[in-house]
PDB file of N, CA and C in Angstrom:
ATOM      1  N   MET A   1      14.086 -10.020  12.467  1.00  0.00           N
ATOM      2  CA  MET A   1      14.332  -8.505  12.987  1.00  0.00           C
ATOM      3  C   MET A   1      13.170  -7.961  12.817  1.00  0.00           C
ATOM      4  N   GLN A   2      12.770  -7.083  13.680  1.00  0.00           N
ATOM      5  CA  GLN A   2      11.561  -6.256  13.769  1.00  0.00           C
ATOM      6  C   GLN A   2      11.900  -4.844  13.574  1.00  0.00           C
ATOM      7  N   TYR A   3      11.160  -4.212  12.737  1.00  0.00           N
ATOM      8  CA  TYR A   3      11.279  -2.761  12.420  1.00  0.00           C
ATOM      9  C   TYR A   3      10.192  -2.109  12.951  1.00  0.00           C
ATOM     10  N   GLY A   4      10.525  -0.786  13.561  1.00  0.00           N
ATOM     11  CA  GLY A   4       9.394   0.142  13.935  1.00  0.00           C
ATOM     12  C   GLY A   4       8.346   0.596  13.008  1.00  0.00           C
ATOM     13  N   LYS A   5       7.544   1.389  13.533  1.00  0.00           N
ATOM     14  CA  LYS A   5       6.323   2.031  12.759  1.00  0.00           C
ATOM     15  C   LYS A   5       6.885   3.002  11.591  1.00  0.00           C
ATOM     16  N   ARG A   6       7.829   3.610  12.055  1.00  0.00           N
ATOM     17  CA  ARG A   6       8.361   4.732  11.263  1.00  0.00           C
ATOM     18  C   ARG A   6       9.071   4.212  10.019  1.00  0.00           C
ATOM     19  N   ILE A   7       9.867   3.011  10.192  1.00  0.00           N
ATOM     20  CA  ILE A   7      10.564   2.166   8.943  1.00  0.00           C
ATOM     21  C   ILE A   7       9.366   1.743   8.110  1.00  0.00           C
ATOM     22  N   ASN A   8       8.302   1.102   8.781  1.00  0.00           N
ATOM     23  CA  ASN A   8       7.183   0.521   7.945  1.00  0.00           C
ATOM     24  C   ASN A   8       6.618   1.705   7.158  1.00  0.00           C
ATOM     25  N   ALA A   9       6.420   2.739   7.766  1.00  0.00           N
ATOM     26  CA  ALA A   9       5.659   3.930   7.116  1.00  0.00           C
ATOM     27  C   ALA A   9       6.519   4.449   5.935  1.00  0.00           C
ATOM     28  N   ILE A  10       7.756   4.656   6.143  1.00  0.00           N
ATOM     29  CA  ILE A  10       8.597   5.132   5.097  1.00  0.00           C
ATOM     30  C   ILE A  10       8.543   4.089   3.849  1.00  0.00           C
ATOM     31  N   VAL A  11       8.752   2.816   4.221  1.00  0.00           N
ATOM     32  CA  VAL A  11       8.714   1.693   3.276  1.00  0.00           C
ATOM     33  C   VAL A  11       7.210   1.798   2.379  1.00  0.00           C
ATOM     34  N   LEU A  12       6.238   1.842   3.140  1.00  0.00           N
ATOM     35  CA  LEU A  12       5.028   1.825   2.438  1.00  0.00           C
ATOM     36  C   LEU A  12       4.878   3.112   1.593  1.00  0.00           C
ATOM     37  N   TYR A  13       5.193   4.177   2.110  1.00  0.00           N
ATOM     38  CA  TYR A  13       5.371   5.432   1.179  1.00  0.00           C
ATOM     39  C   TYR A  13       6.003   5.662   0.137  1.00  0.00           C
ATOM     40  N   LEU A  14       7.246   4.885   0.080  1.00  0.00           N
ATOM     41  CA  LEU A  14       8.114   4.685  -1.091  1.00  0.00           C
ATOM     42  C   LEU A  14       7.633   3.805  -2.014  1.00  0.00           C
ATOM     43  N   LEU A  15       7.129   2.757  -1.361  1.00  0.00           N
ATOM     44  CA  LEU A  15       6.740   1.649  -2.361  1.00  0.00           C
ATOM     45  C   LEU A  15       5.390   1.964  -3.115  1.00  0.00           C
ATOM     46  N   HIS A  16       4.318   2.467  -2.251  1.00  0.00           N
ATOM     47  CA  HIS A  16       3.147   2.802  -2.973  1.00  0.00           C
ATOM     48  C   HIS A  16       2.830   4.087  -3.405  1.00  0.00           C
ATOM     49  N   TYR A  17       3.341   5.045  -2.765  1.00  0.00           N
ATOM     50  CA  TYR A  17       3.192   6.592  -3.318  1.00  0.00           C
ATOM     51  C   TYR A  17       4.220   6.881  -4.254  1.00  0.00           C
ATOM     52  N   GLN A  18       5.314   6.630  -3.925  1.00  0.00           N
ATOM     53  CA  GLN A  18       6.519   6.911  -4.943  1.00  0.00           C
ATOM     54  C   GLN A  18       6.693   5.910  -5.919  1.00  0.00           C
ATOM     55  N   SER A  19       6.161   4.958  -5.818  1.00  0.00           N
ATOM     56  CA  SER A  19       6.146   3.644  -6.728  1.00  0.00           C
ATOM     57  C   SER A  19       7.634   3.253  -7.120  1.00  0.00           C
ATOM     58  N   LEU A  20       8.442   3.106  -5.933  1.00  0.00           N
ATOM     59  CA  LEU A  20       9.697   2.584  -6.135  1.00  0.00           C
ATOM     60  C   LEU A  20       9.546   0.963  -6.302  1.00  0.00           C
ATOM     61  N   PRO A  21      10.304   0.449  -7.038  1.00  0.00           N
ATOM     62  CA  PRO A  21      10.142  -1.220  -7.080  1.00  0.00           C
ATOM     63  C   PRO A  21      10.924  -1.608  -5.785  1.00  0.00           C
ATOM     64  N   GLU A  22      10.538  -2.847  -5.418  1.00  0.00           N
ATOM     65  CA  GLU A  22      11.153  -3.369  -4.102  1.00  0.00           C
ATOM     66  C   GLU A  22      12.493  -3.294  -4.017  1.00  0.00           C
ATOM     67  N   LYS A  23      13.317  -3.713  -5.202  1.00  0.00           N
ATOM     68  CA  LYS A  23      14.805  -3.832  -4.929  1.00  0.00           C
ATOM     69  C   LYS A  23      15.540  -2.478  -4.897  1.00  0.00           C
ATOM     70  N   ARG A  24      14.831  -1.670  -5.679  1.00  0.00           N
ATOM     71  CA  ARG A  24      15.371  -0.140  -5.516  1.00  0.00           C
ATOM     72  C   ARG A  24      15.020   0.334  -4.172  1.00  0.00           C
ATOM     73  N   LEU A  25      13.963   0.119  -3.726  1.00  0.00           N
ATOM     74  CA  LEU A  25      13.533   0.608  -2.342  1.00  0.00           C
ATOM     75  C   LEU A  25      14.423   0.100  -1.288  1.00  0.00           C
ATOM     76  N   SER A  26      14.813  -1.148  -1.286  1.00  0.00           N
ATOM     77  CA  SER A  26      15.825  -1.853  -0.488  1.00  0.00           C
ATOM     78  C   SER A  26      17.000  -1.070  -0.520  1.00  0.00           C
ATOM     79  N   GLU A  27      17.611  -0.782  -1.730  1.00  0.00           N
ATOM     80  CA  GLU A  27      18.860  -0.178  -1.886  1.00  0.00           C
ATOM     81  C   GLU A  27      18.649   1.301  -1.248  1.00  0.00           C
ATOM     82  N   VAL A  28      17.671   1.979  -1.468  1.00  0.00           N
ATOM     83  CA  VAL A  28      17.452   3.303  -0.860  1.00  0.00           C
ATOM     84  C   VAL A  28      17.506   3.186   0.621  1.00  0.00           C
ATOM     85  N   MET A  29      16.777   2.410   1.168  1.00  0.00           N
ATOM     86  CA  MET A  29      16.873   2.267   2.769  1.00  0.00           C
ATOM     87  C   MET A  29      18.274   1.977   3.277  1.00  0.00           C
ATOM     88  N   ASP A  30      18.991   1.312   2.451  1.00  0.00           N
ATOM     89  CA  ASP A  30      20.260   0.961   2.897  1.00  0.00           C
ATOM     90  C   ASP A  30      21.167   2.093   2.668  1.00  0.00           C
ATOM     91  N   ASP A  31      21.162   2.839   1.636  1.00  0.00           N
ATOM     92  CA  ASP A  31      22.051   3.961   1.200  1.00  0.00           C
ATOM     93  C   ASP A  31      21.752   4.984   2.324  1.00  0.00           C
ATOM     94  N   LEU A  32      20.427   5.397   2.609  1.00  0.00           N
ATOM     95  CA  LEU A  32      20.147   6.596   3.187  1.00  0.00           C
ATOM     96  C   LEU A  32      20.114   6.443   4.724  1.00  0.00           C
ATOM     97  N   LEU A  33      19.433   5.239   5.186  1.00  0.00           N
ATOM     98  CA  LEU A  33      19.245   4.936   6.467  1.00  0.00           C
ATOM     99  C   LEU A  33      19.968   4.136   7.055  1.00  0.00           C
ATOM    100  N   GLY A  34      20.773   3.278   6.444  1.00  0.00           N
ATOM    101  CA  GLY A  34      21.606   2.185   6.981  1.00  0.00           C
ATOM    102  C   GLY A  34      20.864   1.131   7.264  1.00  0.00           C
ATOM    103  N   VAL A  35      19.456   1.026   6.922  1.00  0.00           N
ATOM    104  CA  VAL A  35      18.613  -0.295   7.159  1.00  0.00           C
ATOM    105  C   VAL A  35      18.655  -1.228   6.114  1.00  0.00           C
ATOM    106  N   HIS A  36      19.029  -2.416   6.373  1.00  0.00           N
ATOM    107  CA  HIS A  36      19.099  -3.621   5.454  1.00  0.00           C
ATOM    108  C   HIS A  36      17.906  -4.392   5.338  1.00  0.00           C
ATOM    109  N   LEU A  37      17.175  -4.178   4.199  1.00  0.00           N
ATOM    110  CA  LEU A  37      15.943  -4.740   3.963  1.00  0.00           C
ATOM    111  C   LEU A  37      16.036  -5.696   2.829  1.00  0.00           C
ATOM    112  N   ALA A  38      15.642  -7.072   3.111  1.00  0.00           N
ATOM    113  CA  ALA A  38      15.439  -7.879   2.064  1.00  0.00           C
ATOM    114  C   ALA A  38      14.178  -7.524   1.322  1.00  0.00           C
ATOM    115  N   THR A  39      14.197  -7.736  -0.083  1.00  0.00           N
ATOM    116  CA  THR A  39      13.112  -7.430  -0.921  1.00  0.00           C
ATOM    117  C   THR A  39      11.785  -8.177  -0.332  1.00  0.00           C
ATOM    118  N   ALA A  40      12.102  -9.304   0.129  1.00  0.00           N
ATOM    119  CA  ALA A  40      10.724 -10.126   0.637  1.00  0.00           C
ATOM    120  C   ALA A  40      10.333  -9.380   1.906  1.00  0.00           C
ATOM    121  N   THR A  41      10.951  -8.729   2.711  1.00  0.00           N
ATOM    122  CA  THR A  41      10.673  -7.839   3.839  1.00  0.00           C
ATOM    123  C   THR A  41       9.806  -6.800   3.386  1.00  0.00           C
ATOM    124  N   VAL A  42       9.984  -6.038   2.389  1.00  0.00           N
ATOM    125  CA  VAL A  42       9.328  -5.093   1.791  1.00  0.00           C
ATOM    126  C   VAL A  42       7.905  -5.483   1.301  1.00  0.00           C
ATOM    127  N   VAL A  43       7.869  -6.559   0.656  1.00  0.00           N
ATOM    128  CA  VAL A  43       6.570  -7.333   0.200  1.00  0.00           C
ATOM    129  C   VAL A  43       5.847  -7.509   1.396  1.00  0.00           C
ATOM    130  N   HIS A  44       6.560  -8.289   2.419  1.00  0.00           N
ATOM    131  CA  HIS A  44       5.899  -8.636   3.631  1.00  0.00           C
ATOM    132  C   HIS A  44       5.154  -7.466   4.456  1.00  0.00           C
ATOM    133  N   PHE A  45       5.844  -6.240   4.534  1.00  0.00           N
ATOM    134  CA  PHE A  45       5.221  -5.011   4.990  1.00  0.00           C
ATOM    135  C   PHE A  45       3.985  -4.605   4.296  1.00  0.00           C
ATOM    136  N   SER A  46       3.948  -4.766   3.003  1.00  0.00           N
ATOM    137  CA  SER A  46       2.955  -4.255   2.089  1.00  0.00           C
ATOM    138  C   SER A  46       1.613  -5.210   2.335  1.00  0.00           C
ATOM    139  N   GLN A  47       2.010  -6.578   2.367  1.00  0.00           N
ATOM    140  CA  GLN A  47       0.976  -7.526   2.595  1.00  0.00           C
ATOM    141  C   GLN A  47       0.314  -7.241   3.866  1.00  0.00           C
ATOM    142  N   ASP A  48       1.048  -7.097   4.991  1.00  0.00           N
ATOM    143  CA  ASP A  48       0.595  -7.051   6.311  1.00  0.00           C
ATOM    144  C   ASP A  48      -0.431  -5.894   6.369  1.00  0.00           C
ATOM    145  N   TYR A  49       0.037  -4.688   5.871  1.00  0.00           N
ATOM    146  CA  TYR A  49      -0.917  -3.410   6.050  1.00  0.00           C
ATOM    147  C   TYR A  49      -2.000  -3.510   5.136  1.00  0.00           C
ATOM    148  N   ALA A  50      -2.084  -4.275   3.909  1.00  0.00           N
ATOM    149  CA  ALA A  50      -3.090  -4.425   3.058  1.00  0.00           C
ATOM    150  C   ALA A  50      -4.213  -5.421   3.791  1.00  0.00           C
ATOM    151  N   GLN A  51      -3.781  -6.312   4.512  1.00  0.00           N
ATOM    152  CA  GLN A  51      -4.791  -7.214   5.438  1.00  0.00           C
ATOM    153  C   GLN A  51      -5.286  -6.377   6.613  1.00  0.00           C
ATOM    154  N   HIS A  52      -4.368  -5.404   7.075  1.00  0.00           N
ATOM    155  CA  HIS A  52      -4.838  -4.582   8.287  1.00  0.00           C
ATOM    156  C   HIS A  52      -5.935  -3.722   7.725  1.00  0.00           C
ATOM    157  N   PHE A  53      -5.904  -3.098   6.415  1.00  0.00           N
ATOM    158  CA  PHE A  53      -6.822  -2.318   6.006  1.00  0.00           C
ATOM    159  C   PHE A  53      -7.930  -2.845   5.052  1.00  0.00           C
ATOM    160  N   GLN A  54      -8.047  -4.112   5.004  1.00  0.00           N
ATOM    161  CA  GLN A  54      -8.904  -4.818   4.058  1.00  0.00           C
ATOM    162  C   GLN A  54     -10.421  -4.505   4.553  1.00  0.00           C
ATOM    163  N   CYS A  55     -10.729  -4.408   5.863  1.00  0.00           N
ATOM    164  CA  CYS A  55     -11.999  -4.016   6.086  1.00  0.00           C
ATOM    165  C   CYS A  55     -12.524  -2.579   5.731  1.00  0.00           C
ATOM    166  N   PHE A  56     -11.584  -1.496   5.810  1.00  0.00           N
ATOM    167  CA  PHE A  56     -11.878  -0.271   5.362  1.00  0.00           C
ATOM    168  C   PHE A  56     -12.023  -0.363   3.975  1.00  0.00           C
ATOM    169  N   ALA A  57     -11.199  -1.064   3.147  1.00  0.00           N
ATOM    170  CA  ALA A  57     -11.326  -1.091   1.596  1.00  0.00           C
ATOM    171  C   ALA A  57     -12.648  -1.669   1.275  1.00  0.00           C
ATOM    172  N   ASP A  58     -13.116  -2.723   2.058  1.00  0.00           N
ATOM    173  CA  ASP A  58     -14.366  -3.437   1.716  1.00  0.00           C
ATOM    174  C   ASP A  58     -15.521  -2.431   1.942  1.00  0.00           C
ATOM    175  N   ALA A  59     -15.480  -1.763   3.125  1.00  0.00           N
ATOM    176  CA  ALA A  59     -16.640  -0.694   3.453  1.00  0.00           C
ATOM    177  C   ALA A  59     -16.575   0.354   2.470  1.00  0.00           C
ATOM    178  N   ALA A  60     -15.499   0.836   1.950  1.00  0.00           N
ATOM    179  CA  ALA A  60     -15.452   2.079   1.046  1.00  0.00           C
ATOM    180  C   ALA A  60     -16.001   1.489  -0.334  1.00  0.00           C
ATOM    181  N   ARG A  61     -15.442   0.310  -0.771  1.00  0.00           N
ATOM    182  CA  ARG A  61     -16.071  -0.250  -2.056  1.00  0.00           C
ATOM    183  C   ARG A  61     -17.615  -0.258  -2.047  1.00  0.00           C
ATOM    184  N   ASP A  62     -18.019  -0.906  -0.909  1.00  0.00           N
ATOM    185  CA  ASP A  62     -19.539  -0.945  -0.662  1.00  0.00           C
ATOM    186  C   ASP A  62     -20.433   0.306  -0.679  1.00  0.00           C
ATOM    187  N   HIS A  63     -19.642   1.261  -0.298  1.00  0.00           N
ATOM    188  CA  HIS A  63     -20.444   2.613  -0.097  1.00  0.00           C
ATOM    189  C   HIS A  63     -20.421   3.290  -1.517  1.00  0.00           C
ATOM    190  N   VAL A  64     -19.292   3.154  -2.314  1.00  0.00           N
ATOM    191  CA  VAL A  64     -19.279   3.592  -3.533  1.00  0.00           C
ATOM    192  C   VAL A  64     -20.168   2.866  -4.573  1.00  0.00           C
ATOM    193  N   ALA A  65     -20.295   1.687  -4.334  1.00  0.00           N
ATOM    194  CA  ALA A  65     -21.101   0.786  -5.209  1.00  0.00           C
ATOM    195  C   ALA A  65     -22.564   1.116  -4.927  1.00  0.00           C
ATOM    196  N   ALA A  66     -22.851   1.721  -3.715  1.00  0.00           N
ATOM    197  CA  ALA A  66     -24.228   1.997  -3.233  1.00  0.00           C
ATOM    198  C   ALA A  66     -24.758   3.362  -3.738  1.00  0.00           C
ATOM    199  N   VAL A  67     -23.937   4.169  -4.099  1.00  0.00           N
ATOM    200  CA  VAL A  67     -24.078   5.510  -4.620  1.00  0.00           C
ATOM    201  C   VAL A  67     -24.939   5.545  -6.080  1.00  0.00           C
ATOM    202  N   PRO A  68     -26.193   6.164  -6.027  1.00  0.00           N
ATOM    203  CA  PRO A  68     -26.704   6.278  -7.374  1.00  0.00           C
ATOM    204  C   PRO A  68     -25.801   6.975  -8.317  1.00  0.00           C
ATOM    205  N   VAL A  69     -25.874   6.501  -9.672  1.00  0.00           N
ATOM    206  CA  VAL A  69     -25.145   7.203 -10.618  1.00  0.00           C
ATOM    207  C   VAL A  69     -25.978   8.366 -11.230  1.00  0.00           C
ATOM    208  N   LYS A  70     -25.213   9.535 -11.485  1.00  0.00           N
ATOM    209  CA  LYS A  70     -25.732  10.754 -11.852  1.00  0.00           C
ATOM    210  C   LYS A  70     -26.466  10.726 -13.192  1.00  0.00           C
ATOM    211  N   HIS A  71     -25.429  10.234 -14.113  1.00  0.00           N
ATOM    212  CA  HIS A  71     -25.778   9.988 -15.461  1.00  0.00           C
ATOM    213  C   HIS A  71     -25.660   8.654 -16.112  1.00  0.00           C
ATOM    214  N   PRO A  72     -26.389   7.779 -15.719  1.00  0.00           N
ATOM    215  CA  PRO A  72     -26.270   6.424 -16.274  1.00  0.00           C
ATOM    216  C   PRO A  72     -26.442   6.259 -17.866  1.00  0.00           C
ATOM    217  N   ARG A  73     -25.736   5.257 -18.142  1.00  0.00           N
ATOM    218  CA  ARG A  73     -25.641   4.983 -19.682  1.00  0.00           C
ATOM    219  C   ARG A  73     -27.174   4.498 -20.052  1.00  0.00           C
ATOM    220  N   PRO A  74     -27.387   4.639 -21.182  1.00  0.00           N
ATOM    221  CA  PRO A  74     -28.892   4.186 -21.668  1.00  0.00           C
ATOM    222  C   PRO A  74     -29.114   2.736 -21.194  1.00  0.00           C
ATOM    223  N   SER A  75     -28.092   1.708 -21.257  1.00  0.00           N
ATOM    224  CA  SER A  75     -28.314   0.397 -21.117  1.00  0.00           C
ATOM    225  C   SER A  75     -28.599   0.345 -19.487  1.00  0.00           C
ATOM    226  N   GLN A  76     -28.351   1.175 -18.686  1.00  0.00           N
ATOM    227  CA  GLN A  76     -28.468   1.205 -17.279  1.00  0.00           C
ATOM    228  C   GLN A  76     -29.813   1.778 -16.746  1.00  0.00           C
ATOM    229  N   ARG A  77     -30.554   2.251 -17.596  1.00  0.00           N
ATOM    230  CA  ARG A  77     -31.682   3.137 -17.100  1.00  0.00           C
ATOM    231  C   ARG A  77     -32.902   1.955 -16.816  1.00  0.00           C
TER     232      ARG A  77
END
């Protein structure tokens, strides 16, 4: 079964921002919206979006790593 972008967004918000465990998130989706999701589907949503944004995460990491440190430790001078 395919779910729309809004269901994906709700799942990712509840999973990552509200820190709901996968099983409880599946129960909430069923109770509130009547959407029956297996916990494996919740994990799949998260993995798909993580792959989608991997290039952004890599670029952000590289930019942060390249910024000079304002107050380095004595061992880093």
